[in-house]
Amino acid sequence: MNRRDFAKSAAFLAAGSLLEGAAAKKPVRAYVGTYSSPQGAEGSKGRGSGIYLFDMDQTSGALTQRLVFNDDSNPSWIALNKARTHLYAANETEAGAVSAFSIGTNGELSLLNRASSGGAGPAHLSLHPSEKFLFVANYAGGSVAVLPILGDGKVGEPVDIQKHTGTVGPAKAASGPAGSFAISGHDKPHGHMIESDPMGHFVLAADLGLDEILIYKFDQATGKLTPNNPTGFKLPPGDGPRHFAFHLNRHWFYTLQEESSTLVVCDYDSARGVLKEKQKISTLPRDFAGTNFTSEIVMSPDYRFVYVANRLHDSIAWFAIGNDGKLMWMGEEWTRGDYPRSFTIEPTGNFLYSCNQRSDAIACFRRDKKSGSLGFTGQYTAVGTPAIIRFV
């Protein structure tokens, strides 16, 4: 890390400490997106009612339900703008849509409009740093799209759609654990995540079926995506990249593979939009054998730890980040539920919440900031097929 990046990181972390103090004084709210359609997803029936609003007790971590915003179109991924005045939801349906909501003083949601996601089954969305555009990854459609954010917070129809093409990987992951039968997702391209780099110059999209993270140059005036040179970063055949995360210093990049249950650490050249691998590590215990599907990767608020979720193994593992960005396995905790689709660390960094999709509950864990370890609080919050939780 150079001197300028170090100064930026130090300033950010100092600001984060102030934000933690502020969060301890202000009410903390949480929005939970669910699978709410009778058809559900991934073979499970949707039992949620839409988007839920909870209050969080900052001492115990307990969640208290306040409101439900009924929506039967699978709002399975949500994103908030920086000012926390608007919420955007990916409606994971065959038609594929994105919903825009305004957030009221007490956290209530008001639907502004709904636009096409540019493909079937949108599984992820994110905002560009300028907040002028929204990116969507269409899993079933095998594409990514760019939607403009209009002046009133509404979403416009896509200004660009990139259909992924190429050779799909094999059914069996090259790097999977012994005895693994994790073979889903290699029938065709599947856009699973899309997000810009921290500077907003390049956009990265994980395609599980192609075993590749595609990299685009981004025109911030028009919203158009142009394939970079090189066009992407290839993962081992069949490994299936799902989600990824940037470190605060902007130069370290972590990608999580769903079918091989691996984390790959890369150096990121922000001037050229190029990834270079420097480490691969399993998300599972050393002696594990069998089938597992990873789901989510999250950085701790202080950027000292990386957390990942394992489905079927039903655990959250954490890794310490070394001075060179490489990872060291530190431990794991049972999620106290089935199939953790995603999880989130709340703003103060004291609690982690796991959305256990097939158990219809969110489990709460207290987090030790020094060691990164997790301890179950004994609290379950009943929510039908929870998919994602985001805090305000």
Protein backbone atom coordinates (compact mmCIF):
# COMPACT_ATOMS: atom_id res chain seq x y z
CA MET A 1 0.00 0.00 0.00
CA ASN A 2 1.47 3.39 -0.94
CA ARG A 3 1.46 6.43 1.35
CA ARG A 4 -1.61 8.01 -0.26
CA ASP A 5 -3.66 4.80 0.00
CA PHE A 6 -2.54 4.35 3.60
CA ALA A 7 -3.70 7.86 4.48
CA LYS A 8 -7.06 7.26 2.82
CA SER A 9 -7.47 3.95 4.65
CA ALA A 10 -6.57 5.50 8.00
CA ALA A 11 -9.04 8.33 7.46
CA PHE A 12 -11.77 5.88 6.46
CA LEU A 13 -11.22 3.69 9.52
CA ALA A 14 -11.20 6.73 11.80
CA ALA A 15 -14.48 7.84 10.25
CA GLY A 16 -15.77 4.31 10.74
CA SER A 17 -15.05 4.52 14.46
CA LEU A 18 -17.02 7.76 14.66
CA LEU A 19 -19.86 6.13 12.73
CA GLU A 20 -19.89 3.23 15.19
CA GLY A 21 -20.31 5.70 18.03
CA ALA A 22 -23.08 7.48 16.17
CA ALA A 23 -24.78 4.18 15.39
CA ALA A 24 -24.83 3.34 19.09
CA LYS A 25 -26.91 6.48 19.73
CA LYS A 26 -29.30 6.30 16.78
CA PRO A 27 -31.93 3.62 16.09
CA VAL A 28 -30.60 0.83 13.92
CA ARG A 29 -33.06 -0.61 11.41
CA ALA A 30 -32.76 -3.65 9.20
CA TYR A 31 -34.47 -4.53 5.94
CA VAL A 32 -34.82 -8.20 5.03
CA GLY A 33 -35.51 -9.35 1.48
CA THR A 34 -37.12 -12.75 0.98
CA TYR A 35 -38.23 -15.36 -1.49
CA SER A 36 -41.93 -14.59 -1.53
CA SER A 37 -43.27 -16.20 -4.69
CA PRO A 38 -45.00 -19.60 -4.39
CA GLN A 39 -42.48 -20.79 -6.98
CA GLY A 40 -39.61 -19.65 -4.78
CA ALA A 41 -36.13 -20.41 -6.09
CA GLU A 42 -33.53 -23.19 -6.07
CA GLY A 43 -36.24 -25.78 -5.56
CA SER A 44 -37.64 -24.26 -2.38
CA LYS A 45 -41.07 -22.69 -2.10
CA GLY A 46 -41.11 -19.00 -1.23
CA ARG A 47 -42.56 -18.49 2.25
CA GLY A 48 -41.65 -14.84 2.77
CA SER A 49 -44.09 -11.97 2.41
CA GLY A 50 -41.81 -9.45 0.71
CA ILE A 51 -39.49 -6.96 2.44
CA TYR A 52 -39.49 -6.83 6.24
CA LEU A 53 -38.44 -3.94 8.50
CA PHE A 54 -36.88 -4.66 11.90
CA ASP A 55 -35.48 -2.64 14.78
CA MET A 56 -32.18 -3.90 16.21
CA ASP A 57 -31.39 -3.82 19.92
CA GLN A 58 -27.80 -2.58 20.02
CA THR A 59 -27.06 -4.29 23.34
CA SER A 60 -28.43 -7.77 22.70
CA GLY A 61 -28.63 -7.82 18.91
CA ALA A 62 -32.30 -8.84 19.04
CA LEU A 63 -34.47 -7.97 16.05
CA THR A 64 -38.05 -6.74 16.52
CA GLN A 65 -40.34 -6.77 13.50
CA ARG A 66 -42.07 -3.46 12.75
CA LEU A 67 -43.51 -3.63 9.27
CA VAL A 68 -43.85 -5.87 6.22
CA PHE A 69 -44.02 -4.49 2.70
CA ASN A 70 -45.93 -7.18 0.85
CA ASP A 71 -44.36 -8.18 -2.45
CA ASP A 72 -44.80 -11.62 -4.02
CA SER A 73 -42.11 -11.11 -6.69
CA ASN A 74 -39.05 -12.41 -4.80
CA PRO A 75 -37.22 -9.27 -3.62
CA SER A 76 -34.20 -11.50 -2.93
CA TRP A 77 -31.45 -8.86 -3.14
CA ILE A 78 -31.60 -5.27 -1.93
CA ALA A 79 -29.29 -2.26 -1.99
CA LEU A 80 -29.47 1.15 -0.30
CA ASN A 81 -28.12 4.48 -1.46
CA LYS A 82 -25.57 6.28 0.72
CA ALA A 83 -28.09 8.77 2.12
CA ARG A 84 -30.41 5.89 3.03
CA THR A 85 -33.31 7.62 1.32
CA HIS A 86 -33.91 4.93 -1.32
CA LEU A 87 -33.93 1.15 -1.46
CA TYR A 88 -33.63 -0.95 -4.62
CA ALA A 89 -34.70 -4.59 -4.88
CA ALA A 90 -33.97 -7.26 -7.47
CA ASN A 91 -37.15 -9.19 -8.19
CA GLU A 92 -35.86 -12.69 -8.93
CA THR A 93 -38.61 -13.83 -11.30
CA GLU A 94 -38.72 -15.26 -14.80
CA ALA A 95 -39.58 -11.85 -16.24
CA GLY A 96 -36.87 -10.10 -14.20
CA ALA A 97 -37.41 -6.67 -12.66
CA VAL A 98 -35.93 -4.05 -10.35
CA SER A 99 -38.08 -2.12 -7.86
CA ALA A 100 -37.29 1.35 -6.51
CA PHE A 101 -38.60 2.51 -3.11
CA SER A 102 -38.36 5.74 -1.17
CA ILE A 103 -37.62 5.39 2.55
CA GLY A 104 -39.76 7.42 4.94
CA THR A 105 -38.75 9.00 8.25
CA ASN A 106 -39.71 5.89 10.21
CA GLY A 107 -38.28 3.46 7.70
CA GLU A 108 -41.49 2.80 5.79
CA LEU A 109 -41.12 1.97 2.11
CA SER A 110 -43.09 3.52 -0.73
CA LEU A 111 -42.87 1.90 -4.15
CA LEU A 112 -41.76 4.44 -6.76
CA ASN A 113 -41.65 2.25 -9.83
CA ARG A 114 -40.48 -1.02 -11.32
CA ALA A 115 -38.35 -1.52 -14.44
CA SER A 116 -37.04 -4.48 -16.41
CA SER A 117 -33.78 -5.99 -15.18
CA GLY A 118 -32.82 -6.82 -18.75
CA GLY A 119 -32.95 -10.58 -18.18
CA ALA A 120 -34.52 -13.43 -16.22
CA GLY A 121 -33.87 -14.15 -12.57
CA PRO A 122 -31.87 -11.12 -11.34
CA ALA A 123 -29.85 -12.36 -8.36
CA HIS A 124 -27.73 -9.30 -7.50
CA LEU A 125 -27.68 -5.53 -7.91
CA SER A 126 -25.41 -2.70 -6.83
CA LEU A 127 -25.10 1.06 -7.21
CA HIS A 128 -22.28 2.82 -9.02
CA PRO A 129 -20.32 5.13 -6.65
CA SER A 130 -21.87 8.14 -8.41
CA GLU A 131 -25.33 6.67 -7.68
CA LYS A 132 -26.39 7.63 -11.19
CA PHE A 133 -26.58 4.02 -12.35
CA LEU A 134 -27.66 0.63 -11.00
CA PHE A 135 -26.01 -2.63 -12.10
CA VAL A 136 -27.96 -5.89 -12.23
CA ALA A 137 -26.76 -9.49 -12.66
CA ASN A 138 -29.37 -11.76 -14.25
CA TYR A 139 -28.62 -15.32 -13.17
CA ALA A 140 -31.21 -17.18 -15.25
CA GLY A 141 -30.78 -14.78 -18.16
CA GLY A 142 -26.99 -15.07 -18.28
CA SER A 143 -26.59 -11.33 -18.64
CA VAL A 144 -25.83 -8.07 -16.84
CA ALA A 145 -27.56 -4.73 -17.30
CA VAL A 146 -27.16 -1.05 -16.46
CA LEU A 147 -30.20 0.95 -15.33
CA PRO A 148 -30.16 4.74 -14.86
CA ILE A 149 -31.21 6.25 -11.52
CA LEU A 150 -33.56 9.12 -12.31
CA GLY A 151 -33.74 12.42 -10.44
CA ASP A 152 -36.58 11.29 -8.19
CA GLY A 153 -34.88 8.02 -7.25
CA LYS A 154 -36.83 5.93 -9.75
CA VAL A 155 -35.09 3.43 -12.00
CA GLY A 156 -35.18 3.79 -15.76
CA GLU A 157 -35.20 1.03 -18.34
CA PRO A 158 -31.78 -0.52 -19.12
CA VAL A 159 -29.39 1.64 -21.10
CA ASP A 160 -27.09 -1.33 -21.70
CA ILE A 161 -27.45 -5.13 -21.58
CA GLN A 162 -24.47 -7.44 -21.98
CA LYS A 163 -25.38 -11.03 -22.83
CA HIS A 164 -22.63 -13.36 -21.63
CA THR A 165 -21.30 -15.84 -24.17
CA GLY A 166 -18.55 -18.41 -24.16
CA THR A 167 -17.78 -21.99 -23.23
CA VAL A 168 -19.34 -23.15 -19.99
CA GLY A 169 -17.27 -25.10 -17.50
CA PRO A 170 -17.53 -28.78 -16.62
CA ALA A 171 -20.08 -30.15 -14.15
CA LYS A 172 -17.42 -31.08 -11.60
CA ALA A 173 -15.30 -28.34 -10.04
CA ALA A 174 -11.58 -28.68 -10.63
CA SER A 175 -10.77 -27.48 -7.11
CA GLY A 176 -13.65 -29.02 -5.14
CA PRO A 177 -13.27 -31.10 -1.97
CA ALA A 178 -13.07 -34.89 -2.13
CA GLY A 179 -16.41 -36.54 -2.81
CA SER A 180 -18.11 -33.31 -3.90
CA PHE A 181 -21.23 -33.48 -6.08
CA ALA A 182 -21.64 -29.70 -6.32
CA ILE A 183 -22.50 -29.63 -10.00
CA SER A 184 -25.18 -26.92 -10.44
CA GLY A 185 -24.83 -23.91 -12.69
CA HIS A 186 -22.73 -25.13 -15.60
CA ASP A 187 -25.51 -25.59 -18.13
CA LYS A 188 -25.11 -22.08 -19.55
CA PRO A 189 -23.80 -18.60 -18.56
CA HIS A 190 -25.13 -17.34 -15.22
CA GLY A 191 -24.47 -13.75 -14.14
CA HIS A 192 -24.25 -13.94 -10.34
CA MET A 193 -22.82 -10.62 -9.17
CA ILE A 194 -21.97 -7.24 -10.65
CA GLU A 195 -20.23 -4.28 -9.03
CA SER A 196 -17.92 -1.47 -10.04
CA ASP A 197 -14.43 -1.17 -8.67
CA PRO A 198 -14.07 1.40 -5.84
CA MET A 199 -13.05 4.13 -8.28
CA GLY A 200 -16.02 3.53 -10.56
CA HIS A 201 -13.89 3.17 -13.69
CA PHE A 202 -14.36 -0.56 -14.28
CA VAL A 203 -17.27 -2.93 -13.65
CA LEU A 204 -16.71 -6.55 -12.67
CA ALA A 205 -19.27 -9.32 -13.19
CA ALA A 206 -18.97 -12.86 -11.86
CA ASP A 207 -20.37 -15.47 -14.24
CA LEU A 208 -20.72 -18.83 -12.51
CA GLY A 209 -21.33 -20.86 -15.67
CA LEU A 210 -18.35 -19.45 -17.55
CA ASP A 211 -16.01 -19.72 -14.52
CA GLU A 212 -14.93 -16.16 -15.17
CA ILE A 213 -15.08 -12.68 -13.72
CA LEU A 214 -15.80 -10.48 -16.72
CA ILE A 215 -14.33 -6.97 -16.62
CA TYR A 216 -15.82 -3.97 -18.41
CA LYS A 217 -14.76 -0.39 -18.91
CA PHE A 218 -17.58 1.88 -17.77
CA ASP A 219 -18.68 5.12 -19.42
CA GLN A 220 -20.00 7.23 -16.56
CA ALA A 221 -21.77 9.61 -18.96
CA THR A 222 -23.77 7.07 -20.95
CA GLY A 223 -23.82 4.01 -18.69
CA LYS A 224 -22.36 1.83 -21.44
CA LEU A 225 -20.16 -1.20 -20.75
CA THR A 226 -17.22 -2.05 -23.02
CA PRO A 227 -15.18 -5.27 -22.63
CA ASN A 228 -11.81 -4.56 -21.08
CA ASN A 229 -8.49 -5.87 -22.37
CA PRO A 230 -8.07 -8.52 -21.06
CA THR A 231 -11.81 -9.18 -20.98
CA GLY A 232 -11.82 -11.05 -17.69
CA PHE A 233 -10.19 -13.26 -15.07
CA LYS A 234 -10.58 -17.03 -15.48
CA LEU A 235 -11.10 -19.37 -12.53
CA PRO A 236 -10.40 -23.12 -12.61
CA PRO A 237 -12.91 -25.11 -14.69
CA GLY A 238 -16.19 -25.80 -12.88
CA ASP A 239 -15.32 -23.75 -9.77
CA GLY A 240 -18.15 -21.26 -10.36
CA PRO A 241 -17.33 -17.70 -9.15
CA ARG A 242 -20.31 -16.33 -7.21
CA HIS A 243 -19.53 -13.20 -5.15
CA PHE A 244 -16.48 -11.02 -4.59
CA ALA A 245 -15.25 -8.12 -2.45
CA PHE A 246 -12.64 -5.38 -2.63
CA HIS A 247 -10.41 -4.42 0.27
CA LEU A 248 -10.43 -0.81 1.46
CA ASN A 249 -6.99 -0.20 -0.05
CA ARG A 250 -8.50 -0.86 -3.52
CA HIS A 251 -5.65 -3.19 -4.50
CA TRP A 252 -6.73 -6.49 -2.93
CA PHE A 253 -9.60 -8.47 -4.39
CA TYR A 254 -11.29 -11.59 -3.00
CA THR A 255 -13.50 -13.88 -5.08
CA LEU A 256 -15.63 -16.72 -3.68
CA GLN A 257 -16.30 -19.83 -5.79
CA GLU A 258 -19.63 -21.55 -5.16
CA GLU A 259 -18.94 -25.07 -6.39
CA SER A 260 -15.29 -25.53 -5.39
CA SER A 261 -15.72 -23.85 -1.98
CA THR A 262 -12.60 -21.75 -2.49
CA LEU A 263 -11.47 -18.19 -1.96
CA VAL A 264 -9.03 -16.71 -4.46
CA VAL A 265 -7.01 -13.63 -3.51
CA CYS A 266 -5.88 -11.29 -6.27
CA ASP A 267 -3.92 -8.11 -6.69
CA TYR A 268 -5.98 -5.55 -8.60
CA ASP A 269 -4.44 -3.09 -11.04
CA SER A 270 -6.92 -0.22 -10.80
CA ALA A 271 -5.36 1.65 -13.73
CA ARG A 272 -5.85 -1.22 -16.19
CA GLY A 273 -8.68 -3.20 -14.57
CA VAL A 274 -6.57 -6.37 -14.32
CA LEU A 275 -6.65 -9.14 -11.68
CA LYS A 276 -3.64 -11.30 -10.82
CA GLU A 277 -4.03 -14.32 -8.54
CA LYS A 278 -1.73 -14.76 -5.55
CA GLN A 279 -3.52 -17.23 -3.26
CA LYS A 280 -6.23 -19.90 -3.25
CA ILE A 281 -7.63 -21.27 0.00
CA SER A 282 -10.54 -23.56 0.92
CA THR A 283 -13.54 -22.21 2.83
CA LEU A 284 -13.96 -25.58 4.57
CA PRO A 285 -12.09 -27.42 7.34
CA ARG A 286 -8.96 -29.22 6.17
CA ASP A 287 -10.45 -32.71 6.62
CA PHE A 288 -13.84 -31.96 5.01
CA ALA A 289 -15.12 -34.33 2.32
CA GLY A 290 -18.46 -34.05 0.54
CA THR A 291 -20.67 -31.46 -1.10
CA ASN A 292 -20.91 -27.79 -0.22
CA PHE A 293 -22.04 -24.60 -1.93
CA THR A 294 -20.63 -21.27 -0.77
CA SER A 295 -22.87 -18.21 -0.87
CA GLU A 296 -21.58 -14.91 0.54
CA ILE A 297 -18.34 -13.07 1.27
CA VAL A 298 -18.21 -10.09 3.65
CA MET A 299 -15.39 -7.86 4.88
CA SER A 300 -15.33 -6.88 8.55
CA PRO A 301 -15.88 -3.13 9.11
CA ASP A 302 -12.21 -2.71 10.06
CA TYR A 303 -11.02 -4.73 7.03
CA ARG A 304 -9.02 -7.13 9.21
CA PHE A 305 -11.13 -10.22 8.49
CA VAL A 306 -12.94 -11.92 5.61
CA TYR A 307 -16.07 -13.98 6.37
CA VAL A 308 -17.71 -16.52 4.05
CA ALA A 309 -20.83 -18.70 4.27
CA ASN A 310 -20.97 -22.40 3.44
CA ARG A 311 -24.29 -24.03 2.50
CA LEU A 312 -24.88 -27.74 3.29
CA HIS A 313 -21.90 -27.53 5.62
CA ASP A 314 -23.97 -24.68 7.14
CA SER A 315 -21.15 -22.66 8.61
CA ILE A 316 -19.58 -19.23 8.52
CA ALA A 317 -15.79 -19.27 8.36
CA TRP A 318 -13.49 -16.34 8.99
CA PHE A 319 -9.98 -15.54 7.82
CA ALA A 320 -7.43 -12.99 9.01
CA ILE A 321 -6.02 -10.67 6.34
CA GLY A 322 -2.22 -10.51 6.35
CA ASN A 323 0.00 -7.55 5.53
CA ASP A 324 0.20 -8.77 1.94
CA GLY A 325 -3.54 -9.31 1.62
CA LYS A 326 -3.30 -13.09 1.84
CA LEU A 327 -5.67 -15.00 4.11
CA MET A 328 -5.18 -17.26 7.10
CA TRP A 329 -7.95 -19.62 8.30
CA MET A 330 -9.03 -18.62 11.81
CA GLY A 331 -12.20 -20.56 12.60
CA GLU A 332 -15.79 -21.40 11.78
CA GLU A 333 -19.20 -21.28 13.46
CA TRP A 334 -22.32 -23.35 12.80
CA THR A 335 -25.07 -21.14 11.39
CA ARG A 336 -27.73 -22.77 13.62
CA GLY A 337 -29.85 -23.23 10.51
CA ASP A 338 -30.07 -24.69 7.03
CA TYR A 339 -28.63 -23.12 3.88
CA PRO A 340 -27.26 -19.65 4.79
CA ARG A 341 -27.99 -17.76 1.60
CA SER A 342 -26.29 -14.58 2.79
CA PHE A 343 -25.21 -12.80 5.96
CA THR A 344 -24.38 -9.29 7.08
CA ILE A 345 -22.34 -7.59 9.81
CA GLU A 346 -24.32 -4.66 11.26
CA PRO A 347 -22.81 -1.12 11.35
CA THR A 348 -21.15 -1.28 14.78
CA GLY A 349 -19.45 -4.57 13.93
CA ASN A 350 -20.71 -6.24 17.10
CA PHE A 351 -23.23 -8.64 15.53
CA LEU A 352 -23.45 -10.86 12.47
CA TYR A 353 -26.79 -12.10 11.10
CA SER A 354 -27.15 -15.23 8.97
CA CYS A 355 -30.16 -15.58 6.64
CA ASN A 356 -30.82 -19.33 6.86
CA GLN A 357 -33.01 -19.75 3.80
CA ARG A 358 -34.36 -23.26 4.37
CA SER A 359 -34.87 -22.82 8.10
CA ASP A 360 -37.09 -19.74 7.74
CA ALA A 361 -35.06 -17.83 10.31
CA ILE A 362 -32.24 -15.33 10.81
CA ALA A 363 -29.67 -16.36 13.42
CA CYS A 364 -27.74 -13.73 15.42
CA PHE A 365 -24.09 -14.04 16.44
CA ARG A 366 -21.98 -11.78 18.64
CA ARG A 367 -18.68 -10.91 17.01
CA ASP A 368 -15.33 -10.48 18.79
CA LYS A 369 -13.64 -7.58 17.03
CA LYS A 370 -10.12 -8.59 18.10
CA SER A 371 -10.18 -12.25 17.10
CA GLY A 372 -12.98 -12.16 14.54
CA SER A 373 -14.66 -15.11 16.26
CA LEU A 374 -18.43 -15.59 16.41
CA GLY A 375 -20.63 -16.74 19.29
CA PHE A 376 -24.32 -17.62 18.93
CA THR A 377 -26.55 -15.33 20.99
CA GLY A 378 -29.37 -17.86 21.16
CA GLN A 379 -31.61 -15.58 19.10
CA TYR A 380 -33.59 -16.66 16.07
CA THR A 381 -35.83 -14.26 14.15
CA ALA A 382 -38.61 -15.97 12.21
CA VAL A 383 -38.72 -14.92 8.55
CA GLY A 384 -39.95 -17.06 5.66
CA THR A 385 -37.13 -18.01 3.26
CA PRO A 386 -34.88 -15.03 4.14
CA ALA A 387 -32.42 -14.09 1.41
CA ILE A 388 -30.66 -10.89 2.49
CA ILE A 389 -30.48 -8.44 5.40
CA ARG A 390 -29.27 -4.83 5.15
CA PHE A 391 -28.90 -2.28 7.96
CA VAL A 392 -29.57 1.45 8.21
